[in-house]
Amino acid sequence: MYLDIKYDVQVRNVWVENRIICLKFTNDAELRFPASKNKKLAKATDIQLNNIELICDGTGLHWNELDEDLSVSGILDGRFG
């Protein structure tokens, strides 16, 4: 069971290192999680995985080619898709 906690955070930058999704927040904190935690990301090629963009003013991540979106608040709750 997950609690619906609201976070007041924004991601400033997102990138991938060795199939690890890396987030840098506006407060300079960083969070990383392995692509293997998400079914679609786990199956993605390196090129597809790296084709990531920030959406919703830095509160979401989007992979257009994979049709995958993740919310930053969900990631902070440990939900990776």
C-alpha atoms as a PDB file:
ATOM      1  CA  MET A   1       0.000   0.000   0.000  1.00  0.00           C
ATOM      2  CA  TYR A   2       1.328   3.411  -0.973  1.00  0.00           C
ATOM      3  CA  LEU A   3       0.525   6.680   0.711  1.00  0.00           C
ATOM      4  CA  ASP A   4      -0.281   9.562  -1.583  1.00  0.00           C
ATOM      5  CA  ILE A   5       2.326  12.029  -0.341  1.00  0.00           C
ATOM      6  CA  LYS A   6       2.661  15.338  -2.163  1.00  0.00           C
ATOM      7  CA  TYR A   7       6.203  16.565  -2.723  1.00  0.00           C
ATOM      8  CA  ASP A   8       7.202  20.109  -3.533  1.00  0.00           C
ATOM      9  CA  VAL A   9      10.183  19.211  -5.695  1.00  0.00           C
ATOM     10  CA  GLN A  10      11.366  19.845  -9.209  1.00  0.00           C
ATOM     11  CA  VAL A  11      14.033  18.117 -11.235  1.00  0.00           C
ATOM     12  CA  ARG A  12      16.483  20.448 -12.962  1.00  0.00           C
ATOM     13  CA  ASN A  13      18.373  17.826 -14.965  1.00  0.00           C
ATOM     14  CA  VAL A  14      17.932  14.173 -15.920  1.00  0.00           C
ATOM     15  CA  TRP A  15      20.423  11.839 -17.591  1.00  0.00           C
ATOM     16  CA  VAL A  16      21.383   8.172 -17.835  1.00  0.00           C
ATOM     17  CA  GLU A  17      24.674   6.586 -16.735  1.00  0.00           C
ATOM     18  CA  ASN A  18      25.192   2.870 -17.353  1.00  0.00           C
ATOM     19  CA  ARG A  19      21.411   2.267 -17.445  1.00  0.00           C
ATOM     20  CA  ILE A  20      20.919   4.195 -14.198  1.00  0.00           C
ATOM     21  CA  ILE A  21      18.402   7.054 -14.364  1.00  0.00           C
ATOM     22  CA  CYS A  22      19.898  10.095 -12.620  1.00  0.00           C
ATOM     23  CA  LEU A  23      17.866  13.042 -11.359  1.00  0.00           C
ATOM     24  CA  LYS A  24      19.265  16.333 -10.080  1.00  0.00           C
ATOM     25  CA  PHE A  25      16.755  18.450  -8.179  1.00  0.00           C
ATOM     26  CA  THR A  26      16.604  22.231  -8.014  1.00  0.00           C
ATOM     27  CA  ASN A  27      17.963  22.028  -4.441  1.00  0.00           C
ATOM     28  CA  ASP A  28      21.047  20.144  -5.822  1.00  0.00           C
ATOM     29  CA  ALA A  29      20.009  16.814  -4.270  1.00  0.00           C
ATOM     30  CA  GLU A  30      20.389  13.784  -6.539  1.00  0.00           C
ATOM     31  CA  LEU A  31      18.492  10.533  -6.843  1.00  0.00           C
ATOM     32  CA  ARG A  32      19.339   7.519  -8.998  1.00  0.00           C
ATOM     33  CA  PHE A  33      17.506   4.321  -9.827  1.00  0.00           C
ATOM     34  CA  PRO A  34      18.222   1.429 -12.194  1.00  0.00           C
ATOM     35  CA  ALA A  35      16.239   1.206 -15.415  1.00  0.00           C
ATOM     36  CA  SER A  36      15.677  -2.461 -14.558  1.00  0.00           C
ATOM     37  CA  LYS A  37      13.094  -1.360 -11.939  1.00  0.00           C
ATOM     38  CA  ASN A  38      10.698  -0.423 -14.772  1.00  0.00           C
ATOM     39  CA  LYS A  39       9.463  -3.012 -17.304  1.00  0.00           C
ATOM     40  CA  LYS A  40       9.562  -0.709 -20.338  1.00  0.00           C
ATOM     41  CA  LEU A  41      12.864   0.916 -19.434  1.00  0.00           C
ATOM     42  CA  ALA A  42      14.460  -2.461 -18.722  1.00  0.00           C
ATOM     43  CA  LYS A  43      13.734  -3.582 -22.299  1.00  0.00           C
ATOM     44  CA  ALA A  44      14.770  -0.289 -23.932  1.00  0.00           C
ATOM     45  CA  THR A  45      17.886   0.106 -26.016  1.00  0.00           C
ATOM     46  CA  ASP A  46      20.519   2.497 -24.689  1.00  0.00           C
ATOM     47  CA  ILE A  47      19.492   5.042 -27.334  1.00  0.00           C
ATOM     48  CA  GLN A  48      15.818   4.808 -26.326  1.00  0.00           C
ATOM     49  CA  LEU A  49      16.697   5.041 -22.650  1.00  0.00           C
ATOM     50  CA  ASN A  50      18.767   8.161 -23.205  1.00  0.00           C
ATOM     51  CA  ASN A  51      15.926   9.839 -25.110  1.00  0.00           C
ATOM     52  CA  ILE A  52      14.418  11.207 -21.903  1.00  0.00           C
ATOM     53  CA  GLU A  53      12.860  14.590 -21.239  1.00  0.00           C
ATOM     54  CA  LEU A  54      11.549  16.525 -18.273  1.00  0.00           C
ATOM     55  CA  ILE A  55       7.856  17.366 -18.397  1.00  0.00           C
ATOM     56  CA  CYS A  56       5.338  19.224 -16.226  1.00  0.00           C
ATOM     57  CA  ASP A  57       7.801  21.839 -14.965  1.00  0.00           C
ATOM     58  CA  GLY A  58      10.284  19.222 -13.782  1.00  0.00           C
ATOM     59  CA  THR A  59       7.807  17.015 -11.928  1.00  0.00           C
ATOM     60  CA  GLY A  60       7.705  14.244 -14.523  1.00  0.00           C
ATOM     61  CA  LEU A  61       9.912  12.214 -16.849  1.00  0.00           C
ATOM     62  CA  HIS A  62       8.913  11.213 -20.378  1.00  0.00           C
ATOM     63  CA  TRP A  63      10.264   8.694 -22.888  1.00  0.00           C
ATOM     64  CA  ASN A  64       8.356   9.440 -26.105  1.00  0.00           C
ATOM     65  CA  GLU A  65       9.529   6.427 -28.122  1.00  0.00           C
ATOM     66  CA  LEU A  66       8.749   4.072 -25.230  1.00  0.00           C
ATOM     67  CA  ASP A  67       5.396   5.712 -24.389  1.00  0.00           C
ATOM     68  CA  GLU A  68       6.469   5.873 -20.736  1.00  0.00           C
ATOM     69  CA  ASP A  69       5.943   8.616 -18.169  1.00  0.00           C
ATOM     70  CA  LEU A  70       7.014   8.645 -14.538  1.00  0.00           C
ATOM     71  CA  SER A  71       6.141  11.214 -11.918  1.00  0.00           C
ATOM     72  CA  VAL A  72       8.907  12.450  -9.660  1.00  0.00           C
ATOM     73  CA  SER A  73       6.648  12.041  -6.636  1.00  0.00           C
ATOM     74  CA  GLY A  74       6.048   8.395  -7.605  1.00  0.00           C
ATOM     75  CA  ILE A  75       9.778   7.815  -7.935  1.00  0.00           C
ATOM     76  CA  LEU A  76      10.315   9.350  -4.496  1.00  0.00           C
ATOM     77  CA  ASP A  77       7.684   6.933  -3.169  1.00  0.00           C
ATOM     78  CA  GLY A  78       9.607   4.015  -4.699  1.00  0.00           C
ATOM     79  CA  ARG A  79       7.205   3.494  -7.602  1.00  0.00           C
ATOM     80  CA  PHE A  80       9.143   3.113 -10.848  1.00  0.00           C
ATOM     81  CA  GLY A  81       6.315   2.161 -13.167  1.00  0.00           C
END
